[in-house]
């Protein structure tokens, strides 16, 4: 007479649970052979799982699986009979997620550090900017009133030549000439002030 399938499955599950209880008991006692048995059973699947979580990085996946087994060994005294398999998968998942977060932080840090615009200005740069700002203000104030007005409206207020011409009551060609002269004068003043 053959045993029904559900009964066989229940016996297999009970057998695995008994084997796992024995394995946990041996691990807790410091039996290295129990750790080797555990690694022989779960190493490959944990590497595959971690590799999937890390986008195929096999080297990192191996490191994570190794770290999971190291932690099981370090915490062997506190292991409870139950699902060592679930515990290993949970450890592997958490380690992989930690690695993924670390990579994200490293990538953002690298991107920020490679971009000089993202760096905060140094005290020297702040002083230089302030001095340059004062020199530019002084040079603009030294322009003739018409050139200063044309420059202010066109470059500081970003108005078109025709809008500047309408405001000043002159032709756009006059605005163009005033701006060309203002820019030449500013260049000369700022170059000599260096």
N, C-alpha and C. Protein backbone atom coordinates (compact mmCIF):
# COMPACT_ATOMS: atom_id res chain seq x y z
N UNK A 1 0.85 -1.17 0.00
CA UNK A 1 0.00 0.00 0.00
C UNK A 1 0.90 1.24 0.00
N UNK A 2 0.64 2.19 -0.94
CA UNK A 2 1.47 3.38 -1.04
C UNK A 2 0.91 4.48 -0.15
N UNK A 3 1.81 5.28 0.34
CA UNK A 3 1.46 6.39 1.23
C UNK A 3 0.93 7.55 0.39
N UNK A 4 -0.13 8.23 0.82
CA UNK A 4 -0.64 9.39 0.07
C UNK A 4 0.43 10.47 -0.02
N UNK A 5 0.35 11.25 -1.11
CA UNK A 5 1.36 12.28 -1.39
C UNK A 5 1.46 13.29 -0.26
N UNK A 6 0.32 13.74 0.28
CA UNK A 6 0.35 14.77 1.33
C UNK A 6 1.08 14.26 2.56
N UNK A 7 0.95 12.98 2.82
CA UNK A 7 1.61 12.39 3.98
C UNK A 7 3.12 12.33 3.75
N UNK A 8 3.52 11.97 2.51
CA UNK A 8 4.95 11.93 2.18
C UNK A 8 5.56 13.32 2.30
N UNK A 9 4.86 14.35 1.77
CA UNK A 9 5.37 15.73 1.84
C UNK A 9 5.53 16.16 3.30
N UNK A 10 4.53 15.80 4.13
CA UNK A 10 4.61 16.18 5.53
C UNK A 10 5.79 15.51 6.21
N UNK A 11 6.08 14.27 5.85
CA UNK A 11 7.22 13.56 6.44
C UNK A 11 8.53 14.18 5.98
N UNK A 12 8.58 14.60 4.69
CA UNK A 12 9.81 15.24 4.17
C UNK A 12 10.04 16.54 4.91
N UNK A 13 8.96 17.34 5.06
CA UNK A 13 9.07 18.62 5.77
C UNK A 13 9.50 18.37 7.22
N UNK A 14 8.94 17.36 7.86
CA UNK A 14 9.32 17.03 9.24
C UNK A 14 10.77 16.60 9.30
N UNK A 15 11.20 15.82 8.31
CA UNK A 15 12.58 15.36 8.27
C UNK A 15 13.54 16.54 8.11
N UNK A 16 13.20 17.48 7.18
CA UNK A 16 14.03 18.66 6.98
C UNK A 16 14.06 19.49 8.25
N UNK A 17 12.92 19.64 8.90
CA UNK A 17 12.86 20.41 10.14
C UNK A 17 13.72 19.75 11.21
N UNK A 18 13.66 18.40 11.31
CA UNK A 18 14.51 17.70 12.29
C UNK A 18 15.98 17.89 11.94
N UNK A 19 16.31 17.76 10.63
CA UNK A 19 17.70 17.95 10.20
C UNK A 19 18.16 19.37 10.49
N UNK A 20 17.28 20.34 10.26
CA UNK A 20 17.63 21.73 10.51
C UNK A 20 17.81 21.97 12.00
N UNK A 21 16.98 21.38 12.82
CA UNK A 21 17.14 21.51 14.27
C UNK A 21 18.47 20.93 14.72
N UNK A 22 18.80 19.79 14.15
CA UNK A 22 20.09 19.17 14.47
C UNK A 22 21.24 20.07 14.00
N UNK A 23 21.10 20.64 12.79
CA UNK A 23 22.13 21.53 12.24
C UNK A 23 22.30 22.76 13.12
N UNK A 24 21.20 23.35 13.57
CA UNK A 24 21.27 24.52 14.44
C UNK A 24 21.93 24.15 15.77
N UNK A 25 21.59 23.00 16.28
CA UNK A 25 22.19 22.55 17.54
C UNK A 25 23.70 22.35 17.36
N UNK A 26 24.11 21.77 16.25
CA UNK A 26 25.53 21.57 15.97
C UNK A 26 26.25 22.90 15.76
N UNK A 27 25.59 23.83 15.05
CA UNK A 27 26.18 25.16 14.87
C UNK A 27 26.39 25.84 16.21
N UNK A 28 25.37 25.79 17.05
CA UNK A 28 25.44 26.44 18.37
C UNK A 28 26.58 25.85 19.20
N UNK A 29 26.88 24.58 18.97
CA UNK A 29 27.97 23.92 19.70
C UNK A 29 29.33 24.24 19.09
N UNK A 30 29.35 25.00 17.97
CA UNK A 30 30.62 25.37 17.36
C UNK A 30 31.15 24.35 16.38
N UNK A 31 30.28 23.49 15.85
CA UNK A 31 30.68 22.45 14.91
C UNK A 31 30.91 23.08 13.53
N UNK A 32 32.18 23.15 13.11
CA UNK A 32 32.54 23.74 11.81
C UNK A 32 31.95 22.92 10.68
N UNK A 33 31.86 21.63 10.85
CA UNK A 33 31.29 20.76 9.81
C UNK A 33 29.83 21.15 9.54
N UNK A 34 29.11 21.59 10.56
CA UNK A 34 27.72 22.02 10.38
C UNK A 34 27.67 23.28 9.51
N UNK A 35 28.61 24.18 9.73
CA UNK A 35 28.68 25.38 8.89
C UNK A 35 29.00 25.01 7.45
N UNK A 36 29.95 24.09 7.27
CA UNK A 36 30.30 23.65 5.92
C UNK A 36 29.11 22.99 5.23
N UNK A 37 28.33 22.23 6.00
CA UNK A 37 27.14 21.59 5.45
C UNK A 37 26.11 22.65 5.04
N UNK A 38 25.97 23.65 5.87
CA UNK A 38 25.04 24.74 5.59
C UNK A 38 25.48 25.50 4.33
N UNK A 39 26.77 25.77 4.23
CA UNK A 39 27.30 26.46 3.06
C UNK A 39 27.15 25.61 1.80
N UNK A 40 27.41 24.33 1.93
CA UNK A 40 27.25 23.43 0.78
C UNK A 40 25.82 23.41 0.26
N UNK A 41 24.88 23.56 1.16
CA UNK A 41 23.47 23.54 0.77
C UNK A 41 23.02 24.87 0.18
N UNK A 42 23.43 25.99 0.77
CA UNK A 42 22.84 27.28 0.41
C UNK A 42 23.76 28.27 -0.30
N UNK A 43 25.05 27.97 -0.42
CA UNK A 43 25.99 28.94 -1.00
C UNK A 43 25.55 29.40 -2.38
N UNK A 44 25.36 28.48 -3.28
CA UNK A 44 25.07 28.82 -4.68
C UNK A 44 23.78 29.63 -4.81
N UNK A 45 22.73 29.20 -4.12
CA UNK A 45 21.45 29.92 -4.27
C UNK A 45 21.52 31.32 -3.66
N UNK A 46 22.28 31.48 -2.60
CA UNK A 46 22.41 32.81 -2.01
C UNK A 46 23.22 33.74 -2.90
N UNK A 47 24.26 33.20 -3.55
CA UNK A 47 25.05 34.02 -4.49
C UNK A 47 24.16 34.45 -5.65
N UNK A 48 23.36 33.52 -6.17
CA UNK A 48 22.45 33.86 -7.27
C UNK A 48 21.43 34.92 -6.84
N UNK A 49 20.89 34.76 -5.65
CA UNK A 49 19.90 35.71 -5.13
C UNK A 49 20.52 37.10 -4.95
N UNK A 50 21.67 37.16 -4.31
CA UNK A 50 22.34 38.45 -4.09
C UNK A 50 22.74 39.08 -5.43
N UNK A 51 23.21 38.24 -6.35
CA UNK A 51 23.57 38.75 -7.67
C UNK A 51 22.39 39.38 -8.38
N UNK A 52 21.24 38.77 -8.25
CA UNK A 52 20.03 39.33 -8.87
C UNK A 52 19.68 40.68 -8.23
N UNK A 53 19.80 40.76 -6.93
CA UNK A 53 19.48 42.02 -6.24
C UNK A 53 20.46 43.13 -6.61
N UNK A 54 21.71 42.75 -6.93
CA UNK A 54 22.74 43.74 -7.24
C UNK A 54 22.95 43.93 -8.73
N UNK A 55 22.02 43.47 -9.53
CA UNK A 55 22.11 43.69 -10.96
C UNK A 55 23.17 42.88 -11.66
N UNK A 56 23.49 41.70 -11.13
CA UNK A 56 24.42 40.81 -11.80
C UNK A 56 25.87 40.91 -11.35
N UNK A 57 26.16 41.67 -10.33
CA UNK A 57 27.54 41.80 -9.85
C UNK A 57 27.89 40.56 -9.03
N UNK A 58 28.52 39.59 -9.68
CA UNK A 58 28.80 38.29 -9.06
C UNK A 58 29.81 38.41 -7.93
N UNK A 59 30.84 39.22 -8.11
CA UNK A 59 31.85 39.37 -7.06
C UNK A 59 31.23 39.92 -5.78
N UNK A 60 30.42 40.96 -5.92
CA UNK A 60 29.75 41.53 -4.74
C UNK A 60 28.77 40.52 -4.15
N UNK A 61 28.11 39.74 -5.01
CA UNK A 61 27.16 38.73 -4.52
C UNK A 61 27.88 37.68 -3.69
N UNK A 62 29.06 37.27 -4.14
CA UNK A 62 29.86 36.29 -3.37
C UNK A 62 30.27 36.87 -2.02
N UNK A 63 30.67 38.13 -2.03
CA UNK A 63 31.04 38.79 -0.77
C UNK A 63 29.86 38.82 0.19
N UNK A 64 28.69 39.10 -0.35
CA UNK A 64 27.50 39.19 0.50
C UNK A 64 27.12 37.82 1.06
N UNK A 65 27.16 36.79 0.21
CA UNK A 65 26.86 35.44 0.69
C UNK A 65 27.87 35.03 1.77
N UNK A 66 29.13 35.35 1.54
CA UNK A 66 30.15 35.04 2.55
C UNK A 66 29.86 35.76 3.85
N UNK A 67 29.50 37.04 3.76
CA UNK A 67 29.18 37.81 4.97
C UNK A 67 27.97 37.21 5.68
N UNK A 68 26.99 36.72 4.93
CA UNK A 68 25.81 36.10 5.55
C UNK A 68 26.22 34.88 6.37
N UNK A 69 27.08 34.05 5.81
CA UNK A 69 27.53 32.86 6.55
C UNK A 69 28.41 33.24 7.75
N UNK A 70 29.21 34.28 7.60
CA UNK A 70 30.02 34.75 8.73
C UNK A 70 29.10 35.18 9.86
N UNK A 71 28.04 35.91 9.51
CA UNK A 71 27.12 36.37 10.56
C UNK A 71 26.37 35.22 11.21
N UNK A 72 26.00 34.22 10.42
CA UNK A 72 25.36 33.04 11.01
C UNK A 72 26.31 32.40 12.00
N UNK A 73 27.58 32.29 11.62
CA UNK A 73 28.57 31.68 12.51
C UNK A 73 28.75 32.52 13.78
N UNK A 74 28.85 33.84 13.61
CA UNK A 74 29.03 34.72 14.77
C UNK A 74 27.82 34.69 15.72
N UNK A 75 26.66 34.49 15.15
CA UNK A 75 25.42 34.51 15.95
C UNK A 75 24.88 33.10 16.20
N UNK A 76 25.71 32.11 16.04
CA UNK A 76 25.27 30.72 16.12
C UNK A 76 24.67 30.38 17.48
N UNK A 77 25.18 30.98 18.54
CA UNK A 77 24.67 30.66 19.88
C UNK A 77 23.24 31.15 20.06
N UNK A 78 22.87 32.18 19.35
CA UNK A 78 21.52 32.73 19.48
C UNK A 78 20.53 32.20 18.47
N UNK A 79 20.97 31.30 17.59
CA UNK A 79 20.06 30.75 16.59
C UNK A 79 19.01 29.86 17.26
N UNK A 80 17.81 30.01 16.80
CA UNK A 80 16.71 29.20 17.31
C UNK A 80 16.36 28.15 16.26
N UNK A 81 16.00 26.98 16.68
CA UNK A 81 15.54 26.00 15.69
C UNK A 81 14.36 26.59 14.94
N UNK A 82 14.38 26.48 13.69
CA UNK A 82 13.36 27.07 12.82
C UNK A 82 13.91 27.10 11.43
N UNK A 83 13.58 28.11 10.71
CA UNK A 83 14.01 28.15 9.33
C UNK A 83 15.34 28.87 9.16
N UNK A 84 16.42 28.11 9.13
CA UNK A 84 17.74 28.67 8.87
C UNK A 84 17.77 29.22 7.46
N UNK A 85 17.06 28.54 6.56
CA UNK A 85 17.00 28.97 5.17
C UNK A 85 16.41 30.38 5.08
N UNK A 86 15.31 30.62 5.74
CA UNK A 86 14.69 31.96 5.73
C UNK A 86 15.62 32.99 6.35
N UNK A 87 16.28 32.60 7.42
CA UNK A 87 17.21 33.51 8.08
C UNK A 87 18.35 33.88 7.14
N UNK A 88 18.90 32.90 6.43
CA UNK A 88 19.98 33.18 5.49
C UNK A 88 19.51 34.08 4.35
N UNK A 89 18.33 33.81 3.83
CA UNK A 89 17.80 34.66 2.76
C UNK A 89 17.57 36.09 3.26
N UNK A 90 17.03 36.22 4.45
CA UNK A 90 16.79 37.56 5.01
C UNK A 90 18.11 38.31 5.23
N UNK A 91 19.11 37.61 5.78
CA UNK A 91 20.44 38.21 5.95
C UNK A 91 21.01 38.65 4.61
N UNK A 92 20.93 37.78 3.63
CA UNK A 92 21.46 38.08 2.29
C UNK A 92 20.74 39.28 1.69
N UNK A 93 19.43 39.30 1.82
CA UNK A 93 18.64 40.42 1.29
C UNK A 93 19.06 41.73 1.95
N UNK A 94 19.14 41.73 3.26
CA UNK A 94 19.50 42.96 3.98
C UNK A 94 20.92 43.43 3.62
N UNK A 95 21.85 42.50 3.52
CA UNK A 95 23.22 42.86 3.15
C UNK A 95 23.28 43.41 1.72
N UNK A 96 22.52 42.81 0.82
CA UNK A 96 22.49 43.28 -0.57
C UNK A 96 21.87 44.68 -0.65
N UNK A 97 20.80 44.90 0.09
CA UNK A 97 20.17 46.23 0.09
C UNK A 97 21.11 47.27 0.69
N UNK A 98 21.83 46.89 1.74
CA UNK A 98 22.82 47.81 2.31
C UNK A 98 23.89 48.16 1.28
N UNK A 99 24.36 47.15 0.56
CA UNK A 99 25.38 47.38 -0.47
C UNK A 99 24.82 48.28 -1.57
N UNK A 100 23.59 48.04 -1.95
CA UNK A 100 22.96 48.87 -2.99
C UNK A 100 22.88 50.32 -2.54
N UNK A 101 22.50 50.55 -1.28
CA UNK A 101 22.43 51.92 -0.74
C UNK A 101 23.82 52.56 -0.69
N UNK A 102 24.81 51.79 -0.26
CA UNK A 102 26.18 52.31 -0.20
C UNK A 102 26.67 52.71 -1.58
N UNK A 103 26.36 51.88 -2.57
CA UNK A 103 26.75 52.21 -3.95
C UNK A 103 26.09 53.50 -4.41
N UNK A 104 24.82 53.64 -4.08
CA UNK A 104 24.10 54.85 -4.47
C UNK A 104 24.74 56.09 -3.85
N UNK A 105 25.07 56.00 -2.57
CA UNK A 105 25.72 57.13 -1.88
C UNK A 105 27.09 57.40 -2.50
N UNK A 106 27.87 56.34 -2.75
CA UNK A 106 29.20 56.52 -3.37
C UNK A 106 29.08 57.16 -4.75
N UNK A 107 28.11 56.71 -5.54
CA UNK A 107 27.93 57.27 -6.89
C UNK A 107 27.53 58.74 -6.83
N UNK A 108 26.62 59.07 -5.90
CA UNK A 108 26.24 60.49 -5.77
C UNK A 108 27.41 61.32 -5.27
N UNK A 109 28.18 60.80 -4.34
CA UNK A 109 29.34 61.53 -3.81
C UNK A 109 30.37 61.73 -4.91
N UNK A 110 30.63 60.67 -5.69
CA UNK A 110 31.60 60.76 -6.78
C UNK A 110 31.16 61.79 -7.81
N UNK A 111 29.88 61.78 -8.16
CA UNK A 111 29.37 62.74 -9.14
C UNK A 111 29.50 64.17 -8.62
N UNK A 112 29.21 64.34 -7.33
CA UNK A 112 29.31 65.69 -6.75
C UNK A 112 30.77 66.13 -6.64
N UNK A 113 31.65 65.21 -6.28
CA UNK A 113 33.05 65.60 -6.10
C UNK A 113 33.76 65.82 -7.43
N UNK A 114 33.26 65.21 -8.50
CA UNK A 114 33.87 65.40 -9.81
C UNK A 114 33.40 66.68 -10.47
N UNK A 115 32.35 67.28 -9.94
CA UNK A 115 31.79 68.49 -10.52
C UNK A 115 32.24 69.69 -9.68
N UNK A 116 33.23 70.45 -10.15
CA UNK A 116 33.74 71.58 -9.36
C UNK A 116 32.66 72.61 -9.03
N UNK A 117 31.62 72.70 -9.86
CA UNK A 117 30.55 73.67 -9.55
C UNK A 117 29.84 73.30 -8.26
N UNK A 118 29.84 72.01 -7.93
CA UNK A 118 29.16 71.55 -6.73
C UNK A 118 29.97 71.80 -5.46
N UNK A 119 31.25 72.08 -5.62
CA UNK A 119 32.09 72.32 -4.45
C UNK A 119 31.75 73.67 -3.86
N UNK A 120 31.72 73.78 -2.56
CA UNK A 120 31.51 75.10 -1.96
C UNK A 120 32.72 75.99 -2.22
N UNK A 121 32.49 77.27 -2.39
CA UNK A 121 33.62 78.16 -2.66
C UNK A 121 34.57 78.25 -1.46
N UNK A 122 35.83 78.40 -1.77
CA UNK A 122 36.83 78.55 -0.72
C UNK A 122 36.78 79.99 -0.22
N UNK A 123 37.32 80.28 0.93
CA UNK A 123 37.36 81.66 1.41
C UNK A 123 38.06 82.60 0.42
N UNK A 124 39.13 82.12 -0.21
CA UNK A 124 39.82 82.93 -1.20
C UNK A 124 38.90 83.26 -2.38
N UNK A 125 38.16 82.24 -2.85
CA UNK A 125 37.23 82.47 -3.96
C UNK A 125 36.15 83.48 -3.57
N UNK A 126 35.68 83.40 -2.35
CA UNK A 126 34.65 84.35 -1.89
C UNK A 126 35.20 85.78 -1.89
N UNK A 127 36.43 85.95 -1.42
CA UNK A 127 37.05 87.27 -1.39
C UNK A 127 37.26 87.78 -2.81
N UNK A 128 37.75 86.89 -3.70
CA UNK A 128 37.97 87.29 -5.09
C UNK A 128 36.67 87.71 -5.77
N UNK A 129 35.59 86.96 -5.51
CA UNK A 129 34.29 87.31 -6.09
C UNK A 129 33.81 88.68 -5.59
N UNK A 130 34.01 88.90 -4.30
CA UNK A 130 33.59 90.18 -3.71
C UNK A 130 34.40 91.33 -4.32
N UNK A 131 35.71 91.14 -4.46
CA UNK A 131 36.56 92.19 -5.04
C UNK A 131 36.18 92.44 -6.51
N UNK A 132 35.92 91.36 -7.24
CA UNK A 132 35.52 91.51 -8.64
C UNK A 132 34.18 92.23 -8.74
N UNK A 133 33.25 91.88 -7.87
CA UNK A 133 31.95 92.56 -7.86
C UNK A 133 32.09 94.05 -7.61
N UNK A 134 32.96 94.41 -6.65
CA UNK A 134 33.19 95.84 -6.38
C UNK A 134 33.84 96.52 -7.57
N UNK A 135 34.78 95.85 -8.23
CA UNK A 135 35.46 96.44 -9.39
C UNK A 135 34.48 96.64 -10.54
N UNK A 136 33.60 95.67 -10.77
CA UNK A 136 32.60 95.79 -11.84
C UNK A 136 31.64 96.93 -11.53
N UNK A 137 31.15 96.99 -10.29
CA UNK A 137 30.25 98.09 -9.90
C UNK A 137 30.92 99.44 -10.11
N UNK A 138 32.16 99.54 -9.69
CA UNK A 138 32.89 100.80 -9.84
C UNK A 138 33.06 101.16 -11.32
N UNK A 139 33.38 100.15 -12.14
CA UNK A 139 33.56 100.41 -13.58
C UNK A 139 32.24 100.83 -14.23
N UNK A 140 31.13 100.20 -13.84
CA UNK A 140 29.82 100.59 -14.40
C UNK A 140 29.48 102.00 -13.99
N UNK A 141 29.74 102.34 -12.72
CA UNK A 141 29.43 103.69 -12.24
C UNK A 141 30.30 104.75 -12.91
N UNK A 142 31.47 104.34 -13.41
CA UNK A 142 32.37 105.29 -14.07
C UNK A 142 31.95 105.58 -15.51
N UNK A 143 31.03 104.79 -16.06
CA UNK A 143 30.55 105.04 -17.43
C UNK A 143 29.79 106.37 -17.50
N UNK A 144 29.71 106.94 -18.70
CA UNK A 144 28.91 108.15 -18.88
C UNK A 144 27.44 107.78 -18.62
N UNK A 145 26.62 108.76 -18.24
CA UNK A 145 25.23 108.45 -17.89
C UNK A 145 24.47 107.69 -18.99
N UNK A 146 24.63 108.07 -20.26
CA UNK A 146 23.90 107.39 -21.35
C UNK A 146 24.39 105.95 -21.53
N UNK A 147 25.69 105.75 -21.48
CA UNK A 147 26.24 104.40 -21.62
C UNK A 147 25.84 103.53 -20.42
N UNK A 148 25.90 104.12 -19.23
CA UNK A 148 25.51 103.38 -18.02
C UNK A 148 24.05 102.97 -18.10
N UNK A 149 23.18 103.87 -18.56
CA UNK A 149 21.75 103.56 -18.66
C UNK A 149 21.51 102.46 -19.70
N UNK A 150 22.15 102.57 -20.87
CA UNK A 150 21.99 101.55 -21.92
C UNK A 150 22.50 100.19 -21.42
N UNK A 151 23.65 100.19 -20.78
CA UNK A 151 24.24 98.95 -20.27
C UNK A 151 23.33 98.33 -19.20
N UNK A 152 22.86 99.16 -18.28
CA UNK A 152 22.00 98.67 -17.19
C UNK A 152 20.73 98.04 -17.74
N UNK A 153 20.08 98.73 -18.67
CA UNK A 153 18.82 98.21 -19.22
C UNK A 153 19.05 96.93 -20.05
N UNK A 154 20.11 96.93 -20.88
CA UNK A 154 20.33 95.78 -21.77
C UNK A 154 20.93 94.57 -21.05
N UNK A 155 21.92 94.78 -20.20
CA UNK A 155 22.63 93.64 -19.61
C UNK A 155 22.18 93.28 -18.19
N UNK A 156 21.81 94.26 -17.42
CA UNK A 156 21.40 93.94 -16.05
C UNK A 156 19.90 93.64 -15.96
N UNK A 157 19.11 94.34 -16.79
CA UNK A 157 17.66 94.11 -16.78
C UNK A 157 17.21 93.25 -17.96
N UNK A 158 18.16 92.90 -18.82
CA UNK A 158 17.94 91.98 -19.94
C UNK A 158 16.82 92.41 -20.89
N UNK A 159 16.81 93.68 -21.23
CA UNK A 159 15.84 94.19 -22.20
C UNK A 159 16.45 94.15 -23.59
N UNK A 160 15.60 94.04 -24.60
CA UNK A 160 16.08 94.02 -25.99
C UNK A 160 16.53 95.42 -26.40
N UNK A 161 17.32 95.47 -27.49
CA UNK A 161 17.80 96.77 -27.99
C UNK A 161 16.62 97.68 -28.30
N UNK A 162 15.57 97.13 -28.90
CA UNK A 162 14.42 97.98 -29.26
C UNK A 162 13.71 98.50 -28.02
N UNK A 163 13.63 97.69 -26.96
CA UNK A 163 13.00 98.14 -25.72
C UNK A 163 13.85 99.22 -25.07
N UNK A 164 15.17 99.03 -25.07
CA UNK A 164 16.08 100.04 -24.51
C UNK A 164 15.95 101.34 -25.31
N UNK A 165 15.90 101.22 -26.64
CA UNK A 165 15.78 102.40 -27.51
C UNK A 165 14.49 103.15 -27.20
N UNK A 166 13.40 102.43 -27.02
CA UNK A 166 12.11 103.06 -26.72
C UNK A 166 12.15 103.77 -25.37
N UNK A 167 12.74 103.11 -24.37
CA UNK A 167 12.82 103.72 -23.02
C UNK A 167 13.68 104.98 -23.05
N UNK A 168 14.83 104.90 -23.75
CA UNK A 168 15.76 106.03 -23.77
C UNK A 168 15.37 107.10 -24.80
N UNK A 169 14.43 106.79 -25.67
CA UNK A 169 14.00 107.76 -26.68
C UNK A 169 15.04 107.94 -27.78
N UNK A 170 15.75 106.87 -28.13
CA UNK A 170 16.76 106.91 -29.19
C UNK A 170 16.52 105.76 -30.16
N UNK A 171 17.30 105.69 -31.21
CA UNK A 171 17.15 104.60 -32.16
C UNK A 171 17.88 103.36 -31.67
N UNK A 172 17.48 102.16 -32.15
CA UNK A 172 18.19 100.94 -31.78
C UNK A 172 19.66 100.99 -32.19
N UNK A 173 19.99 101.66 -33.29
CA UNK A 173 21.39 101.78 -33.71
C UNK A 173 22.19 102.57 -32.69
N UNK A 174 21.59 103.61 -32.11
CA UNK A 174 22.26 104.39 -31.09
C UNK A 174 22.52 103.53 -29.85
N UNK A 175 21.52 102.72 -29.48
CA UNK A 175 21.68 101.81 -28.33
C UNK A 175 22.84 100.86 -28.60
N UNK A 176 22.87 100.30 -29.81
CA UNK A 176 23.94 99.38 -30.18
C UNK A 176 25.31 100.05 -30.06
N UNK A 177 25.43 101.27 -30.53
CA UNK A 177 26.68 102.02 -30.45
C UNK A 177 27.06 102.32 -29.00
N UNK A 178 26.08 102.73 -28.19
CA UNK A 178 26.34 103.05 -26.78
C UNK A 178 26.81 101.79 -26.02
N UNK A 179 26.18 100.64 -26.34
CA UNK A 179 26.56 99.39 -25.67
C UNK A 179 27.95 98.93 -26.08
N UNK A 180 28.26 99.07 -27.36
CA UNK A 180 29.60 98.68 -27.83
C UNK A 180 30.66 99.53 -27.15
N UNK A 181 30.41 100.81 -27.04
CA UNK A 181 31.36 101.70 -26.38
C UNK A 181 31.45 101.39 -24.89
N UNK A 182 30.32 101.10 -24.26
CA UNK A 182 30.30 100.78 -22.83
C UNK A 182 31.09 99.51 -22.55
N UNK A 183 30.89 98.48 -23.37
CA UNK A 183 31.61 97.22 -23.17
C UNK A 183 33.12 97.40 -23.37
N UNK A 184 33.50 98.19 -24.37
CA UNK A 184 34.94 98.43 -24.60
C UNK A 184 35.54 99.17 -23.42
N UNK A 185 34.83 100.15 -22.92
CA UNK A 185 35.32 100.92 -21.77
C UNK A 185 35.42 100.04 -20.52
N UNK A 186 34.41 99.19 -20.30
CA UNK A 186 34.43 98.28 -19.13
C UNK A 186 35.60 97.32 -19.22
N UNK A 187 35.82 96.74 -20.40
CA UNK A 187 36.94 95.81 -20.57
C UNK A 187 38.27 96.48 -20.21
N UNK A 188 38.45 97.67 -20.75
CA UNK A 188 39.71 98.39 -20.51
C UNK A 188 39.87 98.73 -19.04
N UNK A 189 38.80 99.22 -18.41
CA UNK A 189 38.86 99.58 -16.99
C UNK A 189 39.16 98.36 -16.12
N UNK A 190 38.50 97.24 -16.41
CA UNK A 190 38.67 96.03 -15.58
C UNK A 190 40.03 95.39 -15.82
N UNK A 191 40.58 95.48 -17.02
CA UNK A 191 41.91 94.92 -17.29
C UNK A 191 42.99 95.72 -16.58
N UNK A 192 42.84 97.03 -16.52
CA UNK A 192 43.86 97.85 -15.86
C UNK A 192 43.76 97.77 -14.35
N UNK A 193 42.58 97.39 -13.84
CA UNK A 193 42.43 97.30 -12.37
C UNK A 193 42.96 95.99 -11.81
N UNK A 194 43.38 95.07 -12.64
CA UNK A 194 43.90 93.77 -12.16
C UNK A 194 45.23 93.92 -11.54
